[in-house]
Amino acid sequence: MARHVRKGDTVIVNSGDHKGSVGEVIDVDTKNNTVTVKGVDMHVRHMKPNRMNQTGGIVRRETPIKMSKVNPVVDGKPTRVRFVTKPDGSKVRVAVKGGGELGPVSPATKKK
């Protein structure tokens, strides 16, 4: 199933503790319907030294948030996404505000 956000998109968070935060999508987990956004929902963990991490220390990393809480950003404002099939059979994502293309959804497939 096509998703409204993809890896590399710039998104804004709609709700929750990080409402209004803008960042780039690092990872999309379609199985759990979550996305990881760069610089949003940072968690800190204090690690002891071990074989993998010789120095130990403080590790900061992003944790996933629900996909429904983010929308792509177009001209600095959040927008919903519409899916349009072109005459050649390819499917693209189109911003509802402004009508600009956000990029292809999948490789070009021919209609049956």
C-alpha atoms as a PDB file:
ATOM      1  CA  MET A   1       0.000   0.000   0.000  1.00  0.00           C
ATOM      2  CA  ALA A   2       1.269   3.474  -0.828  1.00  0.00           C
ATOM      3  CA  ARG A   3       2.250   5.711   2.082  1.00  0.00           C
ATOM      4  CA  HIS A   4       2.001   9.487   2.243  1.00  0.00           C
ATOM      5  CA  VAL A   5       5.636   9.878   3.403  1.00  0.00           C
ATOM      6  CA  ARG A   6       8.851   8.354   2.123  1.00  0.00           C
ATOM      7  CA  LYS A   7      12.459   8.213   3.241  1.00  0.00           C
ATOM      8  CA  GLY A   8      14.111  11.566   2.526  1.00  0.00           C
ATOM      9  CA  ASP A   9      10.913  13.656   2.737  1.00  0.00           C
ATOM     10  CA  THR A  10      10.832  16.768   4.899  1.00  0.00           C
ATOM     11  CA  VAL A  11       7.930  16.457   7.324  1.00  0.00           C
ATOM     12  CA  ILE A  12       6.312  18.387  10.166  1.00  0.00           C
ATOM     13  CA  VAL A  13       4.887  16.778  13.312  1.00  0.00           C
ATOM     14  CA  ASN A  14       1.137  17.463  13.744  1.00  0.00           C
ATOM     15  CA  SER A  15       0.519  16.380  17.319  1.00  0.00           C
ATOM     16  CA  GLY A  16       2.120  15.165  20.510  1.00  0.00           C
ATOM     17  CA  ASP A  17       5.085  16.443  22.507  1.00  0.00           C
ATOM     18  CA  HIS A  18       7.024  17.381  19.370  1.00  0.00           C
ATOM     19  CA  LYS A  19       4.222  19.275  17.598  1.00  0.00           C
ATOM     20  CA  GLY A  20       5.607  21.765  15.082  1.00  0.00           C
ATOM     21  CA  SER A  21       9.024  20.096  14.775  1.00  0.00           C
ATOM     22  CA  VAL A  22      10.371  19.794  11.243  1.00  0.00           C
ATOM     23  CA  GLY A  23      12.838  17.147  10.108  1.00  0.00           C
ATOM     24  CA  GLU A  24      13.841  14.671   7.437  1.00  0.00           C
ATOM     25  CA  VAL A  25      12.472  11.128   7.416  1.00  0.00           C
ATOM     26  CA  ILE A  26      15.324   8.698   8.121  1.00  0.00           C
ATOM     27  CA  ASP A  27      13.358   5.450   8.128  1.00  0.00           C
ATOM     28  CA  VAL A  28       9.821   4.244   7.342  1.00  0.00           C
ATOM     29  CA  ASP A  29       8.517   1.073   9.002  1.00  0.00           C
ATOM     30  CA  THR A  30       5.413   0.033   7.054  1.00  0.00           C
ATOM     31  CA  LYS A  31       4.776  -3.006   9.250  1.00  0.00           C
ATOM     32  CA  ASN A  32       4.305  -0.879  12.393  1.00  0.00           C
ATOM     33  CA  ASN A  33       3.189   2.327  10.591  1.00  0.00           C
ATOM     34  CA  THR A  34       5.991   4.369  12.139  1.00  0.00           C
ATOM     35  CA  VAL A  35       8.594   6.822  10.856  1.00  0.00           C
ATOM     36  CA  THR A  36      11.892   7.979  12.308  1.00  0.00           C
ATOM     37  CA  VAL A  37      12.461  11.713  11.861  1.00  0.00           C
ATOM     38  CA  LYS A  38      15.908  13.291  12.196  1.00  0.00           C
ATOM     39  CA  GLY A  39      16.162  15.402  15.363  1.00  0.00           C
ATOM     40  CA  VAL A  40      12.652  14.543  16.631  1.00  0.00           C
ATOM     41  CA  ASP A  41      11.816  12.365  19.678  1.00  0.00           C
ATOM     42  CA  MET A  42      15.431  12.035  20.853  1.00  0.00           C
ATOM     43  CA  HIS A  43      16.098   9.507  23.600  1.00  0.00           C
ATOM     44  CA  VAL A  44      19.228   9.444  25.744  1.00  0.00           C
ATOM     45  CA  ARG A  45      20.844   6.304  27.074  1.00  0.00           C
ATOM     46  CA  HIS A  46      23.889   6.038  29.351  1.00  0.00           C
ATOM     47  CA  MET A  47      26.027   3.120  28.193  1.00  0.00           C
ATOM     48  CA  LYS A  48      28.767   1.285  30.048  1.00  0.00           C
ATOM     49  CA  PRO A  49      31.909   0.407  28.118  1.00  0.00           C
ATOM     50  CA  ASN A  50      31.733  -2.999  26.417  1.00  0.00           C
ATOM     51  CA  ARG A  51      33.328  -4.836  23.502  1.00  0.00           C
ATOM     52  CA  MET A  52      31.235  -3.058  20.895  1.00  0.00           C
ATOM     53  CA  ASN A  53      31.463   0.399  22.492  1.00  0.00           C
ATOM     54  CA  GLN A  54      34.926   0.657  24.080  1.00  0.00           C
ATOM     55  CA  THR A  55      34.456   4.157  25.512  1.00  0.00           C
ATOM     56  CA  GLY A  56      30.843   3.931  26.689  1.00  0.00           C
ATOM     57  CA  GLY A  57      29.197   7.296  27.373  1.00  0.00           C
ATOM     58  CA  ILE A  58      25.921   8.949  26.495  1.00  0.00           C
ATOM     59  CA  VAL A  59      24.128   7.741  23.350  1.00  0.00           C
ATOM     60  CA  ARG A  60      21.440   9.947  21.767  1.00  0.00           C
ATOM     61  CA  ARG A  61      19.194   8.591  19.028  1.00  0.00           C
ATOM     62  CA  GLU A  62      15.817   9.159  17.426  1.00  0.00           C
ATOM     63  CA  THR A  63      12.943   6.826  18.189  1.00  0.00           C
ATOM     64  CA  PRO A  64      10.022   6.087  15.851  1.00  0.00           C
ATOM     65  CA  ILE A  65       6.756   8.024  15.975  1.00  0.00           C
ATOM     66  CA  LYS A  66       3.398   7.119  14.423  1.00  0.00           C
ATOM     67  CA  MET A  67       3.125   7.854  10.703  1.00  0.00           C
ATOM     68  CA  SER A  68      -0.260   9.510  11.169  1.00  0.00           C
ATOM     69  CA  LYS A  69       1.359  12.272  13.250  1.00  0.00           C
ATOM     70  CA  VAL A  70       3.444  13.654  10.370  1.00  0.00           C
ATOM     71  CA  ASN A  71       2.672  15.433   7.093  1.00  0.00           C
ATOM     72  CA  PRO A  72       5.000  16.462   4.255  1.00  0.00           C
ATOM     73  CA  VAL A  73       6.072  20.114   4.174  1.00  0.00           C
ATOM     74  CA  VAL A  74       5.441  22.239   1.067  1.00  0.00           C
ATOM     75  CA  ASP A  75       6.454  25.924   1.169  1.00  0.00           C
ATOM     76  CA  GLY A  76       6.934  25.720   4.951  1.00  0.00           C
ATOM     77  CA  LYS A  77       3.412  24.451   5.654  1.00  0.00           C
ATOM     78  CA  PRO A  78       2.064  20.929   6.190  1.00  0.00           C
ATOM     79  CA  THR A  79      -0.023  19.420   3.419  1.00  0.00           C
ATOM     80  CA  ARG A  80      -2.071  16.324   2.848  1.00  0.00           C
ATOM     81  CA  VAL A  81      -1.179  13.976   0.015  1.00  0.00           C
ATOM     82  CA  ARG A  82      -3.246  12.832  -2.937  1.00  0.00           C
ATOM     83  CA  PHE A  83      -2.261   9.937  -5.209  1.00  0.00           C
ATOM     84  CA  VAL A  84      -2.643  10.483  -8.959  1.00  0.00           C
ATOM     85  CA  THR A  85      -2.129   8.011 -11.795  1.00  0.00           C
ATOM     86  CA  LYS A  86      -0.570   9.589 -14.886  1.00  0.00           C
ATOM     87  CA  PRO A  87      -1.596   8.628 -18.440  1.00  0.00           C
ATOM     88  CA  ASP A  88       1.568   6.513 -18.808  1.00  0.00           C
ATOM     89  CA  GLY A  89       0.458   4.383 -15.834  1.00  0.00           C
ATOM     90  CA  SER A  90       2.881   5.714 -13.221  1.00  0.00           C
ATOM     91  CA  LYS A  91       1.541   6.704  -9.820  1.00  0.00           C
ATOM     92  CA  VAL A  92       2.753   9.932  -8.153  1.00  0.00           C
ATOM     93  CA  ARG A  93       2.146  11.713  -4.880  1.00  0.00           C
ATOM     94  CA  VAL A  94       0.682  15.209  -5.233  1.00  0.00           C
ATOM     95  CA  ALA A  95       0.429  17.861  -2.508  1.00  0.00           C
ATOM     96  CA  VAL A  96      -3.144  18.973  -1.873  1.00  0.00           C
ATOM     97  CA  LYS A  97      -1.934  22.533  -1.166  1.00  0.00           C
ATOM     98  CA  GLY A  98      -0.209  23.864  -4.244  1.00  0.00           C
ATOM     99  CA  GLY A  99      -0.634  20.723  -6.338  1.00  0.00           C
ATOM    100  CA  GLY A 100       3.093  20.067  -6.715  1.00  0.00           C
ATOM    101  CA  GLU A 101       4.441  16.567  -7.240  1.00  0.00           C
ATOM    102  CA  LEU A 102       6.182  15.008  -4.246  1.00  0.00           C
ATOM    103  CA  GLY A 103       7.755  12.164  -6.194  1.00  0.00           C
ATOM    104  CA  PRO A 104       6.913   8.759  -7.611  1.00  0.00           C
ATOM    105  CA  VAL A 105       5.234   6.087  -5.503  1.00  0.00           C
ATOM    106  CA  SER A 106       6.442   3.022  -7.355  1.00  0.00           C
ATOM    107  CA  PRO A 107       8.075   2.135 -10.673  1.00  0.00           C
ATOM    108  CA  ALA A 108       5.901   2.782 -13.716  1.00  0.00           C
ATOM    109  CA  THR A 109       3.257   0.105 -14.003  1.00  0.00           C
ATOM    110  CA  LYS A 110       0.927  -0.289 -16.916  1.00  0.00           C
ATOM    111  CA  LYS A 111      -2.834  -0.241 -16.390  1.00  0.00           C
ATOM    112  CA  LYS A 112      -4.679  -3.454 -17.105  1.00  0.00           C
END
